[in-house]
Amino acid sequence: MLAPRLRHRIDFERMVKTRNTSTGAMTESWVPLASKEPAEITPLSGSELLAAAAGQSKATDRIVVRKGVAFTTKDRIVHDGTPYNIVAAIPDPTLRRHVTVLAERGVRNG
């Protein structure tokens, strides 16, 4: 994998739940898992959805990152303020130096 292809900088975030000590209410927030990771983002497809009588769109992207960040499909990726929901992570079958992530943006937004 050539370094010039990894021209985007992305952040990985993880959802954490914390309990408010005074009210006992649970609060969800995204916390940084890794930041400024080099990546290559390639749009794959886009589709229109009709959900709850409101038009929404979603796009599927392929994001290639170097191996090293321990993330799951419950985490998300943020690039230039746009959140990407991780759908699947496919490791490199040959050299095991990078991971290809299939991600969606536009529907849940984290």
PDB file of N, CA and C in Angstrom:
ATOM      1  N   MET A   1       0.845  -1.169   0.000  1.00  0.00           N
ATOM      2  CA  MET A   1       0.000   0.000   0.000  1.00  0.00           C
ATOM      3  C   MET A   1       0.889   1.231   0.000  1.00  0.00           C
ATOM      4  N   LEU A   2       0.657   2.103  -0.925  1.00  0.00           N
ATOM      5  CA  LEU A   2       1.449   3.313  -1.026  1.00  0.00           C
ATOM      6  C   LEU A   2       0.881   4.412  -0.142  1.00  0.00           C
ATOM      7  N   ALA A   3       1.766   5.094   0.567  1.00  0.00           N
ATOM      8  CA  ALA A   3       1.356   6.147   1.489  1.00  0.00           C
ATOM      9  C   ALA A   3       0.590   7.286   0.803  1.00  0.00           C
ATOM     10  N   PRO A   4       0.920   7.686  -0.439  1.00  0.00           N
ATOM     11  CA  PRO A   4       0.169   8.787  -1.061  1.00  0.00           C
ATOM     12  C   PRO A   4      -1.328   8.490  -1.245  1.00  0.00           C
ATOM     13  N   ARG A   5      -1.709   7.236  -1.306  1.00  0.00           N
ATOM     14  CA  ARG A   5      -3.128   6.900  -1.445  1.00  0.00           C
ATOM     15  C   ARG A   5      -3.905   7.221  -0.171  1.00  0.00           C
ATOM     16  N   LEU A   6      -3.234   7.215   0.974  1.00  0.00           N
ATOM     17  CA  LEU A   6      -3.892   7.464   2.255  1.00  0.00           C
ATOM     18  C   LEU A   6      -3.869   8.967   2.551  1.00  0.00           C
ATOM     19  N   ARG A   7      -4.604   9.733   1.738  1.00  0.00           N
ATOM     20  CA  ARG A   7      -4.548  11.186   1.826  1.00  0.00           C
ATOM     21  C   ARG A   7      -5.602  11.806   2.740  1.00  0.00           C
ATOM     22  N   HIS A   8      -6.576  11.023   3.193  1.00  0.00           N
ATOM     23  CA  HIS A   8      -7.605  11.523   4.093  1.00  0.00           C
ATOM     24  C   HIS A   8      -7.194  11.269   5.539  1.00  0.00           C
ATOM     25  N   ARG A   9      -7.657  12.117   6.442  1.00  0.00           N
ATOM     26  CA  ARG A   9      -7.418  11.924   7.881  1.00  0.00           C
ATOM     27  C   ARG A   9      -8.768  11.698   8.552  1.00  0.00           C
ATOM     28  N   ILE A  10      -8.882  10.565   9.245  1.00  0.00           N
ATOM     29  CA  ILE A  10     -10.158  10.192   9.856  1.00  0.00           C
ATOM     30  C   ILE A  10      -9.979   9.991  11.358  1.00  0.00           C
ATOM     31  N   ASP A  11     -11.100  10.067  12.061  1.00  0.00           N
ATOM     32  CA  ASP A  11     -11.132   9.810  13.497  1.00  0.00           C
ATOM     33  C   ASP A  11     -12.046   8.623  13.754  1.00  0.00           C
ATOM     34  N   PHE A  12     -11.660   7.771  14.679  1.00  0.00           N
ATOM     35  CA  PHE A  12     -12.522   6.686  15.148  1.00  0.00           C
ATOM     36  C   PHE A  12     -13.124   7.121  16.470  1.00  0.00           C
ATOM     37  N   GLU A  13     -14.425   6.878  16.651  1.00  0.00           N
ATOM     38  CA  GLU A  13     -15.106   7.230  17.894  1.00  0.00           C
ATOM     39  C   GLU A  13     -15.896   6.044  18.404  1.00  0.00           C
ATOM     40  N   ARG A  14     -16.034   5.978  19.732  1.00  0.00           N
ATOM     41  CA  ARG A  14     -16.771   4.889  20.374  1.00  0.00           C
ATOM     42  C   ARG A  14     -17.856   5.483  21.269  1.00  0.00           C
ATOM     43  N   MET A  15     -19.049   4.872  21.216  1.00  0.00           N
ATOM     44  CA  MET A  15     -20.165   5.303  22.056  1.00  0.00           C
ATOM     45  C   MET A  15     -19.961   4.788  23.472  1.00  0.00           C
ATOM     46  N   VAL A  16     -20.056   5.696  24.441  1.00  0.00           N
ATOM     47  CA  VAL A  16     -19.979   5.301  25.845  1.00  0.00           C
ATOM     48  C   VAL A  16     -21.210   5.819  26.570  1.00  0.00           C
ATOM     49  N   LYS A  17     -21.648   5.049  27.555  1.00  0.00           N
ATOM     50  CA  LYS A  17     -22.784   5.450  28.376  1.00  0.00           C
ATOM     51  C   LYS A  17     -22.274   5.765  29.765  1.00  0.00           C
ATOM     52  N   THR A  18     -22.649   6.934  30.266  1.00  0.00           N
ATOM     53  CA  THR A  18     -22.259   7.332  31.612  1.00  0.00           C
ATOM     54  C   THR A  18     -23.506   7.676  32.408  1.00  0.00           C
ATOM     55  N   ARG A  19     -23.441   7.424  33.697  1.00  0.00           N
ATOM     56  CA  ARG A  19     -24.573   7.697  34.574  1.00  0.00           C
ATOM     57  C   ARG A  19     -24.340   9.021  35.308  1.00  0.00           C
ATOM     58  N   ASN A  20     -25.339   9.880  35.253  1.00  0.00           N
ATOM     59  CA  ASN A  20     -25.297  11.136  35.995  1.00  0.00           C
ATOM     60  C   ASN A  20     -25.500  10.811  37.472  1.00  0.00           C
ATOM     61  N   THR A  21     -24.554  11.192  38.301  1.00  0.00           N
ATOM     62  CA  THR A  21     -24.613  10.823  39.718  1.00  0.00           C
ATOM     63  C   THR A  21     -25.746  11.506  40.472  1.00  0.00           C
ATOM     64  N   SER A  22     -26.151  12.674  40.028  1.00  0.00           N
ATOM     65  CA  SER A  22     -27.210  13.371  40.757  1.00  0.00           C
ATOM     66  C   SER A  22     -28.614  12.924  40.336  1.00  0.00           C
ATOM     67  N   THR A  23     -28.796  12.631  39.033  1.00  0.00           N
ATOM     68  CA  THR A  23     -30.139  12.237  38.575  1.00  0.00           C
ATOM     69  C   THR A  23     -30.268  10.746  38.323  1.00  0.00           C
ATOM     70  N   GLY A  24     -29.164  10.077  38.092  1.00  0.00           N
ATOM     71  CA  GLY A  24     -29.205   8.649  37.782  1.00  0.00           C
ATOM     72  C   GLY A  24     -29.499   8.360  36.323  1.00  0.00           C
ATOM     73  N   ALA A  25     -29.668   9.398  35.508  1.00  0.00           N
ATOM     74  CA  ALA A  25     -29.965   9.213  34.083  1.00  0.00           C
ATOM     75  C   ALA A  25     -28.710   8.788  33.327  1.00  0.00           C
ATOM     76  N   MET A  26     -28.911   7.935  32.326  1.00  0.00           N
ATOM     77  CA  MET A  26     -27.812   7.496  31.472  1.00  0.00           C
ATOM     78  C   MET A  26     -27.649   8.486  30.321  1.00  0.00           C
ATOM     79  N   THR A  27     -26.408   8.846  30.045  1.00  0.00           N
ATOM     80  CA  THR A  27     -26.092   9.760  28.959  1.00  0.00           C
ATOM     81  C   THR A  27     -25.174   9.052  27.974  1.00  0.00           C
ATOM     82  N   GLU A  28     -25.498   9.146  26.690  1.00  0.00           N
ATOM     83  CA  GLU A  28     -24.654   8.557  25.655  1.00  0.00           C
ATOM     84  C   GLU A  28     -23.840   9.658  24.993  1.00  0.00           C
ATOM     85  N   SER A  29     -22.569   9.367  24.745  1.00  0.00           N
ATOM     86  CA  SER A  29     -21.725  10.324  24.041  1.00  0.00           C
ATOM     87  C   SER A  29     -20.637   9.576  23.285  1.00  0.00           C
ATOM     88  N   TRP A  30     -20.131  10.206  22.243  1.00  0.00           N
ATOM     89  CA  TRP A  30     -19.054   9.627  21.448  1.00  0.00           C
ATOM     90  C   TRP A  30     -17.724  10.145  21.980  1.00  0.00           C
ATOM     91  N   VAL A  31     -16.801   9.232  22.239  1.00  0.00           N
ATOM     92  CA  VAL A  31     -15.475   9.607  22.714  1.00  0.00           C
ATOM     93  C   VAL A  31     -14.437   9.170  21.686  1.00  0.00           C
ATOM     94  N   PRO A  32     -13.343   9.917  21.556  1.00  0.00           N
ATOM     95  CA  PRO A  32     -12.314   9.564  20.578  1.00  0.00           C
ATOM     96  C   PRO A  32     -11.642   8.233  20.906  1.00  0.00           C
ATOM     97  N   LEU A  33     -11.475   7.424  19.887  1.00  0.00           N
ATOM     98  CA  LEU A  33     -10.774   6.148  20.006  1.00  0.00           C
ATOM     99  C   LEU A  33      -9.381   6.278  19.379  1.00  0.00           C
ATOM    100  N   ALA A  34      -9.332   6.921  18.219  1.00  0.00           N
ATOM    101  CA  ALA A  34      -8.075   7.228  17.526  1.00  0.00           C
ATOM    102  C   ALA A  34      -8.347   8.429  16.633  1.00  0.00           C
ATOM    103  N   SER A  35      -7.350   9.279  16.462  1.00  0.00           N
ATOM    104  CA  SER A  35      -7.574  10.470  15.646  1.00  0.00           C
ATOM    105  C   SER A  35      -6.463  10.654  14.623  1.00  0.00           C
ATOM    106  N   LYS A  36      -6.826  11.366  13.572  1.00  0.00           N
ATOM    107  CA  LYS A  36      -5.898  11.709  12.484  1.00  0.00           C
ATOM    108  C   LYS A  36      -5.250  10.484  11.847  1.00  0.00           C
ATOM    109  N   GLU A  37      -6.019   9.407  11.717  1.00  0.00           N
ATOM    110  CA  GLU A  37      -5.502   8.188  11.080  1.00  0.00           C
ATOM    111  C   GLU A  37      -5.510   8.372   9.559  1.00  0.00           C
ATOM    112  N   PRO A  38      -4.416   8.030   8.867  1.00  0.00           N
ATOM    113  CA  PRO A  38      -4.403   8.132   7.411  1.00  0.00           C
ATOM    114  C   PRO A  38      -5.332   7.087   6.794  1.00  0.00           C
ATOM    115  N   ALA A  39      -6.090   7.501   5.770  1.00  0.00           N
ATOM    116  CA  ALA A  39      -7.047   6.597   5.138  1.00  0.00           C
ATOM    117  C   ALA A  39      -7.287   7.014   3.692  1.00  0.00           C
ATOM    118  N   GLU A  40      -7.869   6.090   2.956  1.00  0.00           N
ATOM    119  CA  GLU A  40      -8.328   6.370   1.595  1.00  0.00           C
ATOM    120  C   GLU A  40      -9.828   6.130   1.580  1.00  0.00           C
ATOM    121  N   ILE A  41     -10.606   7.143   1.201  1.00  0.00           N
ATOM    122  CA  ILE A  41     -12.064   7.036   1.159  1.00  0.00           C
ATOM    123  C   ILE A  41     -12.510   7.047  -0.292  1.00  0.00           C
ATOM    124  N   THR A  42     -13.255   5.991  -0.680  1.00  0.00           N
ATOM    125  CA  THR A  42     -13.753   5.863  -2.039  1.00  0.00           C
ATOM    126  C   THR A  42     -15.255   5.625  -2.013  1.00  0.00           C
ATOM    127  N   PRO A  43     -16.045   6.511  -2.622  1.00  0.00           N
ATOM    128  CA  PRO A  43     -17.493   6.280  -2.685  1.00  0.00           C
ATOM    129  C   PRO A  43     -17.800   5.062  -3.561  1.00  0.00           C
ATOM    130  N   LEU A  44     -18.727   4.204  -3.095  1.00  0.00           N
ATOM    131  CA  LEU A  44     -19.098   3.014  -3.856  1.00  0.00           C
ATOM    132  C   LEU A  44     -20.467   3.150  -4.503  1.00  0.00           C
ATOM    133  N   SER A  45     -21.479   3.524  -3.715  1.00  0.00           N
ATOM    134  CA  SER A  45     -22.821   3.621  -4.278  1.00  0.00           C
ATOM    135  C   SER A  45     -23.656   4.569  -3.440  1.00  0.00           C
ATOM    136  N   GLY A  46     -24.772   4.973  -4.008  1.00  0.00           N
ATOM    137  CA  GLY A  46     -25.716   5.800  -3.275  1.00  0.00           C
ATOM    138  C   GLY A  46     -27.112   5.304  -3.563  1.00  0.00           C
ATOM    139  N   SER A  47     -28.009   5.464  -2.620  1.00  0.00           N
ATOM    140  CA  SER A  47     -29.386   5.031  -2.848  1.00  0.00           C
ATOM    141  C   SER A  47     -30.333   5.926  -2.084  1.00  0.00           C
ATOM    142  N   GLU A  48     -31.544   5.999  -2.557  1.00  0.00           N
ATOM    143  CA  GLU A  48     -32.570   6.787  -1.904  1.00  0.00           C
ATOM    144  C   GLU A  48     -33.451   5.859  -1.087  1.00  0.00           C
ATOM    145  N   LEU A  49     -33.793   6.274   0.108  1.00  0.00           N
ATOM    146  CA  LEU A  49     -34.647   5.494   0.989  1.00  0.00           C
ATOM    147  C   LEU A  49     -35.895   6.295   1.298  1.00  0.00           C
ATOM    148  N   LEU A  50     -36.968   5.595   1.577  1.00  0.00           N
ATOM    149  CA  LEU A  50     -38.180   6.230   2.045  1.00  0.00           C
ATOM    150  C   LEU A  50     -38.465   5.656   3.421  1.00  0.00           C
ATOM    151  N   ALA A  51     -38.155   6.433   4.454  1.00  0.00           N
ATOM    152  CA  ALA A  51     -38.315   5.941   5.823  1.00  0.00           C
ATOM    153  C   ALA A  51     -39.193   6.914   6.589  1.00  0.00           C
ATOM    154  N   ALA A  52     -40.235   6.393   7.174  1.00  0.00           N
ATOM    155  CA  ALA A  52     -41.168   7.187   7.982  1.00  0.00           C
ATOM    156  C   ALA A  52     -41.721   8.362   7.182  1.00  0.00           C
ATOM    157  N   ALA A  53     -42.038   8.107   5.946  1.00  0.00           N
ATOM    158  CA  ALA A  53     -42.635   9.092   5.035  1.00  0.00           C
ATOM    159  C   ALA A  53     -41.729  10.304   4.812  1.00  0.00           C
ATOM    160  N   ALA A  54     -40.458  10.150   5.062  1.00  0.00           N
ATOM    161  CA  ALA A  54     -39.509  11.235   4.834  1.00  0.00           C
ATOM    162  C   ALA A  54     -38.395  10.716   3.941  1.00  0.00           C
ATOM    163  N   GLY A  55     -38.012  11.497   2.974  1.00  0.00           N
ATOM    164  CA  GLY A  55     -36.946  11.073   2.074  1.00  0.00           C
ATOM    165  C   GLY A  55     -35.599  11.171   2.746  1.00  0.00           C
ATOM    166  N   GLN A  56     -34.846  10.105   2.701  1.00  0.00           N
ATOM    167  CA  GLN A  56     -33.488  10.080   3.227  1.00  0.00           C
ATOM    168  C   GLN A  56     -32.602   9.437   2.178  1.00  0.00           C
ATOM    169  N   SER A  57     -31.350   9.752   2.217  1.00  0.00           N
ATOM    170  CA  SER A  57     -30.422   9.104   1.299  1.00  0.00           C
ATOM    171  C   SER A  57     -29.279   8.511   2.099  1.00  0.00           C
ATOM    172  N   LYS A  58     -28.680   7.473   1.531  1.00  0.00           N
ATOM    173  CA  LYS A  58     -27.510   6.883   2.165  1.00  0.00           C
ATOM    174  C   LYS A  58     -26.487   6.602   1.089  1.00  0.00           C
ATOM    175  N   ALA A  59     -25.252   6.623   1.476  1.00  0.00           N
ATOM    176  CA  ALA A  59     -24.164   6.334   0.553  1.00  0.00           C
ATOM    177  C   ALA A  59     -23.244   5.325   1.211  1.00  0.00           C
ATOM    178  N   THR A  60     -22.753   4.403   0.413  1.00  0.00           N
ATOM    179  CA  THR A  60     -21.814   3.403   0.901  1.00  0.00           C
ATOM    180  C   THR A  60     -20.423   3.776   0.400  1.00  0.00           C
ATOM    181  N   ASP A  61     -19.462   3.742   1.303  1.00  0.00           N
ATOM    182  CA  ASP A  61     -18.093   4.091   0.966  1.00  0.00           C
ATOM    183  C   ASP A  61     -17.149   2.978   1.394  1.00  0.00           C
ATOM    184  N   ARG A  62     -16.017   2.905   0.701  1.00  0.00           N
ATOM    185  CA  ARG A  62     -14.945   1.994   1.094  1.00  0.00           C
ATOM    186  C   ARG A  62     -13.851   2.855   1.700  1.00  0.00           C
ATOM    187  N   ILE A  63     -13.441   2.512   2.917  1.00  0.00           N
ATOM    188  CA  ILE A  63     -12.396   3.253   3.609  1.00  0.00           C
ATOM    189  C   ILE A  63     -11.262   2.276   3.915  1.00  0.00           C
ATOM    190  N   VAL A  64     -10.086   2.583   3.415  1.00  0.00           N
ATOM    191  CA  VAL A  64      -8.914   1.732   3.643  1.00  0.00           C
ATOM    192  C   VAL A  64      -8.029   2.423   4.670  1.00  0.00           C
ATOM    193  N   VAL A  65      -7.713   1.701   5.761  1.00  0.00           N
ATOM    194  CA  VAL A  65      -6.860   2.239   6.827  1.00  0.00           C
ATOM    195  C   VAL A  65      -5.756   1.244   7.129  1.00  0.00           C
ATOM    196  N   ARG A  66      -4.683   1.755   7.685  1.00  0.00           N
ATOM    197  CA  ARG A  66      -3.619   0.861   8.140  1.00  0.00           C
ATOM    198  C   ARG A  66      -4.100   0.060   9.329  1.00  0.00           C
ATOM    199  N   LYS A  67      -3.610  -1.149   9.431  1.00  0.00           N
ATOM    200  CA  LYS A  67      -3.983  -1.991  10.562  1.00  0.00           C
ATOM    201  C   LYS A  67      -3.355  -1.425  11.826  1.00  0.00           C
ATOM    202  N   GLY A  68      -4.091  -1.482  12.921  1.00  0.00           N
ATOM    203  CA  GLY A  68      -3.535  -0.995  14.173  1.00  0.00           C
ATOM    204  C   GLY A  68      -4.588  -0.461  15.122  1.00  0.00           C
ATOM    205  N   VAL A  69      -5.657   0.103  14.613  1.00  0.00           N
ATOM    206  CA  VAL A  69      -6.722   0.608  15.474  1.00  0.00           C
ATOM    207  C   VAL A  69      -7.700  -0.531  15.745  1.00  0.00           C
ATOM    208  N   ALA A  70      -7.968  -0.810  17.008  1.00  0.00           N
ATOM    209  CA  ALA A  70      -8.906  -1.874  17.383  1.00  0.00           C
ATOM    210  C   ALA A  70     -10.309  -1.273  17.451  1.00  0.00           C
ATOM    211  N   PHE A  71     -11.101  -1.482  16.391  1.00  0.00           N
ATOM    212  CA  PHE A  71     -12.457  -0.949  16.335  1.00  0.00           C
ATOM    213  C   PHE A  71     -13.436  -2.064  16.018  1.00  0.00           C
ATOM    214  N   THR A  72     -14.714  -1.801  16.280  1.00  0.00           N
ATOM    215  CA  THR A  72     -15.769  -2.770  15.988  1.00  0.00           C
ATOM    216  C   THR A  72     -16.837  -2.082  15.144  1.00  0.00           C
ATOM    217  N   THR A  73     -17.857  -2.838  14.762  1.00  0.00           N
ATOM    218  CA  THR A  73     -18.941  -2.265  13.974  1.00  0.00           C
ATOM    219  C   THR A  73     -19.860  -1.377  14.815  1.00  0.00           C
ATOM    220  N   LYS A  74     -19.667  -1.358  16.127  1.00  0.00           N
ATOM    221  CA  LYS A  74     -20.434  -0.454  16.993  1.00  0.00           C
ATOM    222  C   LYS A  74     -19.805   0.940  17.055  1.00  0.00           C
ATOM    223  N   ASP A  75     -18.564   1.062  16.594  1.00  0.00           N
ATOM    224  CA  ASP A  75     -17.871   2.341  16.573  1.00  0.00           C
ATOM    225  C   ASP A  75     -18.242   3.090  15.295  1.00  0.00           C
ATOM    226  N   ARG A  76     -17.724   4.303  15.146  1.00  0.00           N
ATOM    227  CA  ARG A  76     -17.969   5.060  13.922  1.00  0.00           C
ATOM    228  C   ARG A  76     -16.701   5.783  13.507  1.00  0.00           C
ATOM    229  N   ILE A  77     -16.713   6.224  12.259  1.00  0.00           N
ATOM    230  CA  ILE A  77     -15.608   6.990  11.688  1.00  0.00           C
ATOM    231  C   ILE A  77     -16.139   8.383  11.386  1.00  0.00           C
ATOM    232  N   VAL A  78     -15.315   9.398  11.638  1.00  0.00           N
ATOM    233  CA  VAL A  78     -15.688  10.772  11.312  1.00  0.00           C
ATOM    234  C   VAL A  78     -14.610  11.358  10.407  1.00  0.00           C
ATOM    235  N   HIS A  79     -15.055  11.908   9.261  1.00  0.00           N
ATOM    236  CA  HIS A  79     -14.141  12.561   8.334  1.00  0.00           C
ATOM    237  C   HIS A  79     -14.723  13.921   7.964  1.00  0.00           C
ATOM    238  N   ASP A  80     -14.007  14.969   8.249  1.00  0.00           N
ATOM    239  CA  ASP A  80     -14.465  16.348   7.980  1.00  0.00           C
ATOM    240  C   ASP A  80     -15.855  16.613   8.539  1.00  0.00           C
ATOM    241  N   GLY A  81     -16.131  16.123   9.738  1.00  0.00           N
ATOM    242  CA  GLY A  81     -17.415  16.365  10.383  1.00  0.00           C
ATOM    243  C   GLY A  81     -18.536  15.443   9.945  1.00  0.00           C
ATOM    244  N   THR A  82     -18.277  14.542   9.006  1.00  0.00           N
ATOM    245  CA  THR A  82     -19.280  13.598   8.530  1.00  0.00           C
ATOM    246  C   THR A  82     -19.092  12.252   9.217  1.00  0.00           C
ATOM    247  N   PRO A  83     -20.110  11.766   9.960  1.00  0.00           N
ATOM    248  CA  PRO A  83     -19.991  10.455  10.607  1.00  0.00           C
ATOM    249  C   PRO A  83     -20.303   9.324   9.630  1.00  0.00           C
ATOM    250  N   TYR A  84     -19.544   8.255   9.726  1.00  0.00           N
ATOM    251  CA  TYR A  84     -19.737   7.050   8.922  1.00  0.00           C
ATOM    252  C   TYR A  84     -20.020   5.893   9.867  1.00  0.00           C
ATOM    253  N   ASN A  85     -21.090   5.161   9.628  1.00  0.00           N
ATOM    254  CA  ASN A  85     -21.405   3.969  10.410  1.00  0.00           C
ATOM    255  C   ASN A  85     -20.649   2.792   9.808  1.00  0.00           C
ATOM    256  N   ILE A  86     -19.906   2.077  10.626  1.00  0.00           N
ATOM    257  CA  ILE A  86     -19.109   0.945  10.149  1.00  0.00           C
ATOM    258  C   ILE A  86     -20.025  -0.249   9.949  1.00  0.00           C
ATOM    259  N   VAL A  87     -20.051  -0.776   8.720  1.00  0.00           N
ATOM    260  CA  VAL A  87     -20.876  -1.934   8.390  1.00  0.00           C
ATOM    261  C   VAL A  87     -20.056  -3.212   8.499  1.00  0.00           C
ATOM    262  N   ALA A  88     -18.842  -3.201   7.969  1.00  0.00           N
ATOM    263  CA  ALA A  88     -17.990  -4.393   7.999  1.00  0.00           C
ATOM    264  C   ALA A  88     -16.528  -3.976   7.892  1.00  0.00           C
ATOM    265  N   ALA A  89     -15.658  -4.816   8.424  1.00  0.00           N
ATOM    266  CA  ALA A  89     -14.213  -4.610   8.320  1.00  0.00           C
ATOM    267  C   ALA A  89     -13.595  -5.864   7.720  1.00  0.00           C
ATOM    268  N   ILE A  90     -12.875  -5.693   6.617  1.00  0.00           N
ATOM    269  CA  ILE A  90     -12.294  -6.821   5.896  1.00  0.00           C
ATOM    270  C   ILE A  90     -10.768  -6.683   5.946  1.00  0.00           C
ATOM    271  N   PRO A  91     -10.076  -7.610   6.621  1.00  0.00           N
ATOM    272  CA  PRO A  91      -8.618  -7.507   6.687  1.00  0.00           C
ATOM    273  C   PRO A  91      -7.975  -7.845   5.346  1.00  0.00           C
ATOM    274  N   ASP A  92      -6.792  -7.310   5.127  1.00  0.00           N
ATOM    275  CA  ASP A  92      -6.014  -7.594   3.922  1.00  0.00           C
ATOM    276  C   ASP A  92      -5.595  -9.064   3.953  1.00  0.00           C
ATOM    277  N   PRO A  93      -5.998  -9.856   2.964  1.00  0.00           N
ATOM    278  CA  PRO A  93      -5.704 -11.296   3.015  1.00  0.00           C
ATOM    279  C   PRO A  93      -4.248 -11.661   2.747  1.00  0.00           C
ATOM    280  N   THR A  94      -3.470 -10.755   2.164  1.00  0.00           N
ATOM    281  CA  THR A  94      -2.109 -11.123   1.799  1.00  0.00           C
ATOM    282  C   THR A  94      -1.076 -10.637   2.804  1.00  0.00           C
ATOM    283  N   LEU A  95      -0.849  -9.357   2.867  1.00  0.00           N
ATOM    284  CA  LEU A  95       0.213  -8.828   3.720  1.00  0.00           C
ATOM    285  C   LEU A  95      -0.257  -8.450   5.116  1.00  0.00           C
ATOM    286  N   ARG A  96      -1.564  -8.362   5.303  1.00  0.00           N
ATOM    287  CA  ARG A  96      -2.156  -8.010   6.600  1.00  0.00           C
ATOM    288  C   ARG A  96      -1.642  -6.671   7.131  1.00  0.00           C
ATOM    289  N   ARG A  97      -1.543  -5.701   6.211  1.00  0.00           N
ATOM    290  CA  ARG A  97      -1.064  -4.380   6.602  1.00  0.00           C
ATOM    291  C   ARG A  97      -2.174  -3.343   6.667  1.00  0.00           C
ATOM    292  N   HIS A  98      -3.310  -3.636   6.066  1.00  0.00           N
ATOM    293  CA  HIS A  98      -4.399  -2.673   6.087  1.00  0.00           C
ATOM    294  C   HIS A  98      -5.739  -3.382   6.246  1.00  0.00           C
ATOM    295  N   VAL A  99      -6.753  -2.587   6.535  1.00  0.00           N
ATOM    296  CA  VAL A  99      -8.116  -3.082   6.701  1.00  0.00           C
ATOM    297  C   VAL A  99      -9.020  -2.263   5.789  1.00  0.00           C
ATOM    298  N   THR A 100      -9.900  -2.947   5.055  1.00  0.00           N
ATOM    299  CA  THR A 100     -10.893  -2.266   4.239  1.00  0.00           C
ATOM    300  C   THR A 100     -12.199  -2.222   5.015  1.00  0.00           C
ATOM    301  N   VAL A 101     -12.716  -1.017   5.214  1.00  0.00           N
ATOM    302  CA  VAL A 101     -13.940  -0.824   5.988  1.00  0.00           C
ATOM    303  C   VAL A 101     -15.061  -0.424   5.044  1.00  0.00           C
ATOM    304  N   LEU A 102     -16.185  -1.134   5.102  1.00  0.00           N
ATOM    305  CA  LEU A 102     -17.368  -0.713   4.375  1.00  0.00           C
ATOM    306  C   LEU A 102     -18.196   0.127   5.352  1.00  0.00           C
ATOM    307  N   ALA A 103     -18.516   1.342   4.952  1.00  0.00           N
ATOM    308  CA  ALA A 103     -19.184   2.280   5.853  1.00  0.00           C
ATOM    309  C   ALA A 103     -20.316   2.989   5.133  1.00  0.00           C
ATOM    310  N   GLU A 104     -21.343   3.369   5.894  1.00  0.00           N
ATOM    311  CA  GLU A 104     -22.478   4.106   5.357  1.00  0.00           C
ATOM    312  C   GLU A 104     -22.545   5.469   6.015  1.00  0.00           C
ATOM    313  N   ARG A 105     -22.971   6.440   5.239  1.00  0.00           N
ATOM    314  CA  ARG A 105     -23.210   7.757   5.799  1.00  0.00           C
ATOM    315  C   ARG A 105     -24.569   8.248   5.315  1.00  0.00           C
ATOM    316  N   GLY A 106     -25.239   9.012   6.155  1.00  0.00           N
ATOM    317  CA  GLY A 106     -26.466   9.647   5.717  1.00  0.00           C
ATOM    318  C   GLY A 106     -27.747   9.161   6.348  1.00  0.00           C
ATOM    319  N   VAL A 107     -27.786   7.990   6.995  1.00  0.00           N
ATOM    320  CA  VAL A 107     -29.045   7.517   7.553  1.00  0.00           C
ATOM    321  C   VAL A 107     -29.065   7.697   9.058  1.00  0.00           C
ATOM    322  N   ARG A 108     -28.248   6.958   9.784  1.00  0.00           N
ATOM    323  CA  ARG A 108     -28.226   7.044  11.237  1.00  0.00           C
ATOM    324  C   ARG A 108     -27.374   8.193  11.733  1.00  0.00           C
ATOM    325  N   ASN A 109     -26.265   8.443  11.040  1.00  0.00           N
ATOM    326  CA  ASN A 109     -25.281   9.439  11.459  1.00  0.00           C
ATOM    327  C   ASN A 109     -24.823   9.215  12.889  1.00  0.00           C
ATOM    328  N   GLY A 110     -24.560   7.965  13.194  1.00  0.00           N
ATOM    329  CA  GLY A 110     -24.026   7.622  14.502  1.00  0.00           C
ATOM    330  C   GLY A 110     -25.108   7.426  15.467  1.00  0.00           C
TER     331      GLY A 110
END
